[in-house]
């Protein structure tokens, strides 16, 4: 998340699956925070992030997936938008952007990610017109 007058979360457009948040599977023996930083490197190309806070876990309601959320920070300002080629899952070009947490998610977001955004709003006490 970054502060541009409102809290924003890093999101991306997947070429086949709509708008998403950076996520992935924790590898055997890997800590959740380390997995978050690895996924940020692999999916977004962000190399110098650190964990600023553990935001807790959320049950997605999808295939028994439980997500661990982490607030990450980087030392330099990231651009408003950028592209990155992720080599996993056959390789995809992702278009990254910042989504304001107070904004309602559009229909391009999968319901699972809409739930994740609601979890983050609640966790960070951010209201959205839809959730007031």
C-alpha atoms as a PDB file:
ATOM      1  CA  UNK A   1       0.000   0.000   0.000  1.00  0.00           C
ATOM      2  CA  UNK A   2       1.073   3.562  -0.564  1.00  0.00           C
ATOM      3  CA  UNK A   3      -0.312   6.884   0.581  1.00  0.00           C
ATOM      4  CA  UNK A   4      -1.367   9.292  -2.165  1.00  0.00           C
ATOM      5  CA  UNK A   5      -4.016  10.977  -0.080  1.00  0.00           C
ATOM      6  CA  UNK A   6      -5.702   7.605   0.344  1.00  0.00           C
ATOM      7  CA  UNK A   7      -4.422   4.115   1.044  1.00  0.00           C
ATOM      8  CA  UNK A   8      -3.902   2.104  -2.107  1.00  0.00           C
ATOM      9  CA  UNK A   9      -3.153  -1.544  -2.707  1.00  0.00           C
ATOM     10  CA  UNK A  10      -1.005  -2.872  -5.528  1.00  0.00           C
ATOM     11  CA  UNK A  11      -3.150  -4.649  -8.119  1.00  0.00           C
ATOM     12  CA  UNK A  12      -2.654  -5.981 -11.626  1.00  0.00           C
ATOM     13  CA  UNK A  13      -4.516  -6.983 -14.719  1.00  0.00           C
ATOM     14  CA  UNK A  14      -3.997 -10.645 -15.527  1.00  0.00           C
ATOM     15  CA  UNK A  15      -4.331 -11.197 -19.294  1.00  0.00           C
ATOM     16  CA  UNK A  16      -6.675 -14.165 -18.789  1.00  0.00           C
ATOM     17  CA  UNK A  17      -8.230 -13.685 -15.351  1.00  0.00           C
ATOM     18  CA  UNK A  18      -9.079 -10.001 -14.793  1.00  0.00           C
ATOM     19  CA  UNK A  19      -7.977  -7.774 -11.926  1.00  0.00           C
ATOM     20  CA  UNK A  20      -6.095  -9.376  -9.066  1.00  0.00           C
ATOM     21  CA  UNK A  21      -3.845  -8.833  -6.065  1.00  0.00           C
ATOM     22  CA  UNK A  22      -0.353 -10.303  -5.798  1.00  0.00           C
ATOM     23  CA  UNK A  23      -0.660 -13.703  -4.151  1.00  0.00           C
ATOM     24  CA  UNK A  24       0.753 -17.190  -4.246  1.00  0.00           C
ATOM     25  CA  UNK A  25       1.369 -20.435  -2.441  1.00  0.00           C
ATOM     26  CA  UNK A  26       3.630 -20.684   0.574  1.00  0.00           C
ATOM     27  CA  UNK A  27       6.352 -23.212  -0.210  1.00  0.00           C
ATOM     28  CA  UNK A  28       7.213 -25.981   2.313  1.00  0.00           C
ATOM     29  CA  UNK A  29       9.307 -24.539   5.148  1.00  0.00           C
ATOM     30  CA  UNK A  30       8.696 -20.942   4.004  1.00  0.00           C
ATOM     31  CA  UNK A  31       7.370 -18.300   6.399  1.00  0.00           C
ATOM     32  CA  UNK A  32       4.285 -16.332   5.230  1.00  0.00           C
ATOM     33  CA  UNK A  33       6.182 -13.012   5.172  1.00  0.00           C
ATOM     34  CA  UNK A  34       8.997 -14.507   3.103  1.00  0.00           C
ATOM     35  CA  UNK A  35       6.429 -15.959   0.699  1.00  0.00           C
ATOM     36  CA  UNK A  36       4.804 -12.527   0.331  1.00  0.00           C
ATOM     37  CA  UNK A  37       8.153 -10.936  -0.556  1.00  0.00           C
ATOM     38  CA  UNK A  38       8.975 -13.754  -2.987  1.00  0.00           C
ATOM     39  CA  UNK A  39       5.621 -13.407  -4.739  1.00  0.00           C
ATOM     40  CA  UNK A  40       6.113  -9.636  -4.964  1.00  0.00           C
ATOM     41  CA  UNK A  41       9.486 -10.250  -6.679  1.00  0.00           C
ATOM     42  CA  UNK A  42       8.147 -12.934  -9.014  1.00  0.00           C
ATOM     43  CA  UNK A  43       4.847 -11.327  -9.999  1.00  0.00           C
ATOM     44  CA  UNK A  44       5.639  -7.591  -9.847  1.00  0.00           C
ATOM     45  CA  UNK A  45       9.419  -7.395 -10.198  1.00  0.00           C
ATOM     46  CA  UNK A  46       9.775  -5.559  -6.859  1.00  0.00           C
ATOM     47  CA  UNK A  47      13.142  -6.595  -5.438  1.00  0.00           C
ATOM     48  CA  UNK A  48      13.745  -4.400  -2.394  1.00  0.00           C
ATOM     49  CA  UNK A  49      10.572  -4.778  -0.315  1.00  0.00           C
ATOM     50  CA  UNK A  50      10.422  -5.474   3.401  1.00  0.00           C
ATOM     51  CA  UNK A  51       7.532  -6.479   5.643  1.00  0.00           C
ATOM     52  CA  UNK A  52       6.185  -3.508   7.610  1.00  0.00           C
ATOM     53  CA  UNK A  53       3.275  -5.307   9.307  1.00  0.00           C
ATOM     54  CA  UNK A  54       1.404  -8.580   9.407  1.00  0.00           C
ATOM     55  CA  UNK A  55      -2.257  -7.831   8.636  1.00  0.00           C
ATOM     56  CA  UNK A  56      -3.581 -11.250   9.592  1.00  0.00           C
ATOM     57  CA  UNK A  57      -5.187 -14.144   7.795  1.00  0.00           C
ATOM     58  CA  UNK A  58      -8.401 -14.375   5.790  1.00  0.00           C
ATOM     59  CA  UNK A  59     -10.354 -17.400   4.613  1.00  0.00           C
ATOM     60  CA  UNK A  60     -11.216 -16.782   0.971  1.00  0.00           C
ATOM     61  CA  UNK A  61     -14.114 -19.226   0.863  1.00  0.00           C
ATOM     62  CA  UNK A  62     -12.633 -20.612  -2.354  1.00  0.00           C
ATOM     63  CA  UNK A  63     -11.220 -24.160  -2.371  1.00  0.00           C
ATOM     64  CA  UNK A  64     -10.268 -23.865   1.327  1.00  0.00           C
ATOM     65  CA  UNK A  65      -7.672 -21.182   0.495  1.00  0.00           C
ATOM     66  CA  UNK A  66      -6.462 -19.158   3.477  1.00  0.00           C
ATOM     67  CA  UNK A  67      -4.544 -15.963   2.716  1.00  0.00           C
ATOM     68  CA  UNK A  68      -1.943 -14.274   4.881  1.00  0.00           C
ATOM     69  CA  UNK A  69      -1.796 -10.504   4.290  1.00  0.00           C
ATOM     70  CA  UNK A  70       1.330  -8.417   4.796  1.00  0.00           C
ATOM     71  CA  UNK A  71       1.919  -4.700   4.505  1.00  0.00           C
ATOM     72  CA  UNK A  72       5.118  -4.280   2.479  1.00  0.00           C
ATOM     73  CA  UNK A  73       7.272  -1.218   1.984  1.00  0.00           C
ATOM     74  CA  UNK A  74       9.978  -0.270  -0.478  1.00  0.00           C
ATOM     75  CA  UNK A  75      12.696   2.340  -0.209  1.00  0.00           C
ATOM     76  CA  UNK A  76      11.890   4.201  -3.437  1.00  0.00           C
ATOM     77  CA  UNK A  77       8.645   5.508  -4.909  1.00  0.00           C
ATOM     78  CA  UNK A  78       7.014   3.056  -7.306  1.00  0.00           C
ATOM     79  CA  UNK A  79       5.443   4.283 -10.560  1.00  0.00           C
ATOM     80  CA  UNK A  80       1.689   4.735 -10.934  1.00  0.00           C
ATOM     81  CA  UNK A  81       1.613   1.950 -13.562  1.00  0.00           C
ATOM     82  CA  UNK A  82       4.075  -0.576 -14.951  1.00  0.00           C
ATOM     83  CA  UNK A  83       4.256  -3.901 -16.730  1.00  0.00           C
ATOM     84  CA  UNK A  84       6.121  -7.012 -15.641  1.00  0.00           C
ATOM     85  CA  UNK A  85       6.565 -10.424 -17.241  1.00  0.00           C
ATOM     86  CA  UNK A  86       6.023 -13.188 -14.678  1.00  0.00           C
ATOM     87  CA  UNK A  87       7.546 -16.465 -15.801  1.00  0.00           C
ATOM     88  CA  UNK A  88       5.462 -18.769 -13.580  1.00  0.00           C
ATOM     89  CA  UNK A  89       2.272 -20.476 -14.805  1.00  0.00           C
ATOM     90  CA  UNK A  90       3.494 -20.536 -18.398  1.00  0.00           C
ATOM     91  CA  UNK A  91       4.526 -16.861 -18.385  1.00  0.00           C
ATOM     92  CA  UNK A  92       2.249 -13.828 -18.442  1.00  0.00           C
ATOM     93  CA  UNK A  93       2.602 -10.073 -18.875  1.00  0.00           C
ATOM     94  CA  UNK A  94       0.924  -8.291 -15.960  1.00  0.00           C
ATOM     95  CA  UNK A  95      -0.140  -4.616 -15.944  1.00  0.00           C
ATOM     96  CA  UNK A  96       0.307  -3.178 -12.436  1.00  0.00           C
ATOM     97  CA  UNK A  97      -1.586  -0.211 -10.985  1.00  0.00           C
ATOM     98  CA  UNK A  98      -2.710   1.165  -7.624  1.00  0.00           C
ATOM     99  CA  UNK A  99      -6.285   0.614  -6.448  1.00  0.00           C
ATOM    100  CA  UNK A 100      -7.627   2.986  -3.797  1.00  0.00           C
ATOM    101  CA  UNK A 101      -9.109   0.950  -0.961  1.00  0.00           C
ATOM    102  CA  UNK A 102     -11.982   3.391  -0.532  1.00  0.00           C
ATOM    103  CA  UNK A 103     -13.096   2.743  -4.136  1.00  0.00           C
ATOM    104  CA  UNK A 104     -15.635   0.075  -5.007  1.00  0.00           C
ATOM    105  CA  UNK A 105     -14.121  -2.734  -7.056  1.00  0.00           C
ATOM    106  CA  UNK A 106     -15.416  -2.942 -10.624  1.00  0.00           C
ATOM    107  CA  UNK A 107     -16.951  -6.026 -12.202  1.00  0.00           C
ATOM    108  CA  UNK A 108     -13.479  -6.892 -13.563  1.00  0.00           C
ATOM    109  CA  UNK A 109     -12.509  -8.151 -10.095  1.00  0.00           C
ATOM    110  CA  UNK A 110     -13.183 -11.819  -9.299  1.00  0.00           C
ATOM    111  CA  UNK A 111     -15.484 -12.187  -6.264  1.00  0.00           C
ATOM    112  CA  UNK A 112     -12.604 -13.711  -4.279  1.00  0.00           C
ATOM    113  CA  UNK A 113     -10.531 -10.536  -4.703  1.00  0.00           C
ATOM    114  CA  UNK A 114     -13.547  -8.341  -3.890  1.00  0.00           C
ATOM    115  CA  UNK A 115     -13.700 -10.224  -0.578  1.00  0.00           C
ATOM    116  CA  UNK A 116      -9.969  -9.717  -0.030  1.00  0.00           C
ATOM    117  CA  UNK A 117     -10.337  -5.959  -0.635  1.00  0.00           C
ATOM    118  CA  UNK A 118     -13.212  -5.858   1.875  1.00  0.00           C
ATOM    119  CA  UNK A 119     -11.017  -7.685   4.410  1.00  0.00           C
ATOM    120  CA  UNK A 120      -8.257  -5.103   3.928  1.00  0.00           C
ATOM    121  CA  UNK A 121     -10.717  -2.199   4.283  1.00  0.00           C
ATOM    122  CA  UNK A 122     -12.052  -3.658   7.504  1.00  0.00           C
ATOM    123  CA  UNK A 123      -8.580  -4.447   8.829  1.00  0.00           C
ATOM    124  CA  UNK A 124      -7.394  -0.910   8.102  1.00  0.00           C
ATOM    125  CA  UNK A 125     -10.726   0.753   9.015  1.00  0.00           C
ATOM    126  CA  UNK A 126     -11.283   2.240   5.553  1.00  0.00           C
ATOM    127  CA  UNK A 127     -14.844   2.871   4.463  1.00  0.00           C
ATOM    128  CA  UNK A 128     -16.169   2.430   0.961  1.00  0.00           C
ATOM    129  CA  UNK A 129     -19.498   3.812  -0.277  1.00  0.00           C
ATOM    130  CA  UNK A 130     -20.715   0.238  -0.821  1.00  0.00           C
ATOM    131  CA  UNK A 131     -19.729  -0.876   2.699  1.00  0.00           C
ATOM    132  CA  UNK A 132     -20.788   2.121   4.795  1.00  0.00           C
END
